[in-house]
Amino acid sequence: MGKLPTFDELFQNCRSSAVHLEMRDGYMKSDPAFIDWRAGQRIDAAERWPDWYELVRKATARGVEVRRARIVSEPVSEYIRFEHEVTEGLNIAAGEKVRWLSRRHATGIALPGNDFWLFDESLVLINHFDGDGDSLEHDVTTDPEVAKLCASAFETVWELGTEHGEYRPS
């Protein structure tokens, strides 16, 4: 595929949809926002992550549907509690739609082995993490079979998931 496009380029070039499936119970535990949250500080998500907020806001303003689904173990991890708390002020406020699915309800779903972003149902950005949830690298593929698997997995999780406003982490 040559030089990999940046994440921002993928988002900016997206025409109709950007969907993200998250399947880990923790990410980047060294994130200063997570550390501050653990210390009891209130997190203003749009202020902490203005670039993300603006990227999503611009995409949704031009008609791109941005959806995120999270498969989580219950009871949820401390990191998932943090994510849940900042989702309204960051993801939802920027224009994303977010749903949550208990891992217990994901057993019958054919899931890819990694978190991913799927752009316009054809380009997959695969996220690779280490065991502690720190981002390692990304791969990009337009393989139709991989895109089909990711689209099917996402849509099934989405259908079974609970809207962010209704989800109560246990």
Protein backbone atom coordinates (compact mmCIF):
# COMPACT_ATOMS: atom_id res chain seq x y z
CA MET A 1 0.00 0.00 0.00
CA GLY A 2 3.04 2.27 0.07
CA LYS A 3 3.30 5.01 2.67
CA LEU A 4 0.65 4.57 5.32
CA PRO A 5 -1.78 7.48 5.61
CA THR A 6 -1.91 9.16 8.98
CA PHE A 7 -4.93 8.68 11.19
CA ASP A 8 -5.92 12.30 10.60
CA GLU A 9 -5.67 11.79 6.83
CA LEU A 10 -7.89 8.71 7.02
CA PHE A 11 -10.47 10.67 8.98
CA GLN A 12 -10.25 13.72 6.72
CA ASN A 13 -10.63 11.61 3.57
CA CYS A 14 -13.50 9.57 4.94
CA ARG A 15 -16.74 10.16 3.01
CA SER A 16 -19.57 8.34 4.78
CA SER A 17 -18.64 6.29 7.84
CA ALA A 18 -15.93 5.73 10.42
CA VAL A 19 -16.56 2.97 12.94
CA HIS A 20 -14.31 1.88 15.77
CA LEU A 21 -14.41 -1.37 17.74
CA GLU A 22 -12.57 -1.47 21.07
CA MET A 23 -12.17 -4.81 22.82
CA ARG A 24 -9.61 -4.22 25.59
CA ASP A 25 -10.30 -3.47 29.25
CA GLY A 26 -7.48 -0.97 29.50
CA TYR A 27 -5.45 1.35 27.33
CA MET A 28 -2.47 3.62 27.93
CA LYS A 29 -2.54 3.48 31.72
CA SER A 30 0.29 6.04 31.73
CA ASP A 31 -2.05 8.59 30.08
CA PRO A 32 -1.86 11.80 32.16
CA ALA A 33 -5.66 12.22 31.96
CA PHE A 34 -6.20 8.73 33.40
CA ILE A 35 -3.65 9.41 36.13
CA ASP A 36 -5.35 12.72 36.99
CA TRP A 37 -8.77 11.04 36.99
CA ARG A 38 -7.49 8.36 39.37
CA ALA A 39 -6.26 11.16 41.63
CA GLY A 40 -9.79 12.56 41.75
CA GLN A 41 -9.40 15.45 39.32
CA ARG A 42 -12.34 16.41 37.13
CA ILE A 43 -11.51 15.85 33.46
CA ASP A 44 -12.75 18.30 30.84
CA ALA A 45 -12.47 15.94 27.89
CA ALA A 46 -12.84 18.50 25.08
CA GLU A 47 -10.18 20.64 26.73
CA ARG A 48 -7.82 17.66 27.21
CA TRP A 49 -8.21 16.32 23.68
CA PRO A 50 -9.06 19.34 21.47
CA ASP A 51 -7.53 17.81 18.32
CA TRP A 52 -9.72 14.70 18.60
CA TYR A 53 -12.80 16.75 19.34
CA GLU A 54 -12.19 18.95 16.30
CA LEU A 55 -11.38 16.02 13.98
CA VAL A 56 -14.64 14.24 14.83
CA ARG A 57 -16.69 17.43 14.82
CA LYS A 58 -15.47 18.31 11.32
CA ALA A 59 -16.16 14.79 10.04
CA THR A 60 -19.70 14.67 11.41
CA ALA A 61 -20.36 18.21 10.12
CA ARG A 62 -19.65 17.00 6.57
CA GLY A 63 -22.00 14.03 7.00
CA VAL A 64 -19.67 11.24 8.14
CA GLU A 65 -21.34 8.92 10.64
CA VAL A 66 -18.86 8.20 13.44
CA ARG A 67 -19.69 5.28 15.71
CA ARG A 68 -17.72 3.54 18.45
CA ALA A 69 -18.55 0.23 20.12
CA ARG A 70 -16.80 -1.09 23.20
CA ILE A 71 -16.81 -4.68 24.38
CA VAL A 72 -16.06 -4.69 28.10
CA SER A 73 -15.66 -7.21 30.89
CA GLU A 74 -18.01 -6.79 33.84
CA PRO A 75 -17.47 -5.79 36.50
CA VAL A 76 -15.61 -3.15 34.51
CA SER A 77 -11.97 -2.23 35.03
CA GLU A 78 -10.93 1.08 36.52
CA TYR A 79 -9.85 2.23 33.06
CA ILE A 80 -13.27 1.47 31.59
CA ARG A 81 -14.88 3.52 34.38
CA PHE A 82 -12.62 6.40 33.32
CA GLU A 83 -13.53 5.93 29.64
CA HIS A 84 -17.22 5.84 30.47
CA GLU A 85 -16.96 9.04 32.48
CA VAL A 86 -15.20 11.03 29.73
CA THR A 87 -17.25 9.65 26.81
CA GLU A 88 -20.13 12.11 27.13
CA GLY A 89 -17.90 15.20 27.17
CA LEU A 90 -15.59 14.01 24.40
CA ASN A 91 -16.99 11.42 22.05
CA ILE A 92 -20.70 12.22 22.26
CA ALA A 93 -20.15 16.00 22.40
CA ALA A 94 -18.03 15.82 19.23
CA GLY A 95 -20.75 13.92 17.36
CA GLU A 96 -19.85 10.26 17.85
CA LYS A 97 -22.43 7.64 18.72
CA VAL A 98 -21.18 5.16 21.33
CA ARG A 99 -22.50 1.80 22.51
CA TRP A 100 -21.26 -0.66 25.13
CA LEU A 101 -21.52 -4.46 25.12
CA SER A 102 -20.76 -6.78 28.00
CA ARG A 103 -18.18 -9.37 26.97
CA ARG A 104 -20.63 -12.02 28.25
CA HIS A 105 -22.88 -11.17 25.31
CA ALA A 106 -20.12 -11.29 22.70
CA THR A 107 -19.41 -15.03 22.75
CA GLY A 108 -21.31 -15.81 19.55
CA ILE A 109 -19.76 -12.98 17.52
CA ALA A 110 -16.95 -13.59 15.03
CA LEU A 111 -14.48 -10.93 16.13
CA PRO A 112 -11.15 -9.91 14.61
CA GLY A 113 -8.11 -10.31 16.84
CA ASN A 114 -7.45 -6.59 17.16
CA ASP A 115 -9.22 -3.30 17.73
CA PHE A 116 -9.81 -1.45 14.49
CA TRP A 117 -11.21 1.55 12.68
CA LEU A 118 -13.18 0.85 9.50
CA PHE A 119 -13.48 3.79 7.09
CA ASP A 120 -16.18 3.85 4.42
CA GLU A 121 -16.65 0.09 4.88
CA SER A 122 -13.51 -0.60 2.83
CA LEU A 123 -10.32 0.54 4.58
CA VAL A 124 -9.32 -0.97 7.92
CA LEU A 125 -6.85 0.60 10.32
CA ILE A 126 -5.74 -2.18 12.65
CA ASN A 127 -4.55 -1.13 16.12
CA HIS A 128 -1.80 -3.12 17.81
CA PHE A 129 -1.18 -2.79 21.56
CA ASP A 130 1.23 -4.29 24.06
CA GLY A 131 -0.01 -6.25 27.06
CA ASP A 132 -0.39 -3.08 29.13
CA GLY A 133 -2.54 -1.36 26.50
CA ASP A 134 0.07 0.98 25.09
CA SER A 135 -0.20 1.56 21.35
CA LEU A 136 2.55 -0.11 19.34
CA GLU A 137 1.78 0.38 15.67
CA HIS A 138 -0.97 0.37 13.08
CA ASP A 139 -1.54 -1.59 9.91
CA VAL A 140 -3.82 -0.53 7.08
CA THR A 141 -5.55 -2.92 4.72
CA THR A 142 -8.15 -2.73 1.99
CA ASP A 143 -8.46 -6.52 1.80
CA PRO A 144 -12.19 -7.03 1.11
CA GLU A 145 -12.41 -10.10 3.36
CA VAL A 146 -10.86 -8.28 6.32
CA ALA A 147 -13.15 -5.29 5.76
CA LYS A 148 -16.15 -7.62 5.56
CA LEU A 149 -15.22 -9.37 8.83
CA CYS A 150 -14.67 -6.04 10.59
CA ALA A 151 -17.94 -4.59 9.27
CA SER A 152 -19.90 -7.67 10.31
CA ALA A 153 -18.31 -7.77 13.77
CA PHE A 154 -18.92 -4.08 14.34
CA GLU A 155 -22.55 -4.15 13.20
CA THR A 156 -23.31 -7.18 15.38
CA VAL A 157 -21.72 -5.55 18.44
CA TRP A 158 -23.58 -2.34 17.63
CA GLU A 159 -26.91 -4.15 17.35
CA LEU A 160 -26.41 -5.93 20.69
CA GLY A 161 -24.85 -2.96 22.49
CA THR A 162 -26.38 -0.47 24.88
CA GLU A 163 -26.45 3.25 24.04
CA HIS A 164 -23.93 5.23 26.07
CA GLY A 165 -26.62 7.22 27.89
CA GLU A 166 -28.30 4.02 29.05
CA TYR A 167 -25.19 1.99 29.95
CA ARG A 168 -24.32 1.78 33.63
CA PRO A 169 -20.92 0.20 34.28
CA SER A 170 -21.08 -2.46 36.94
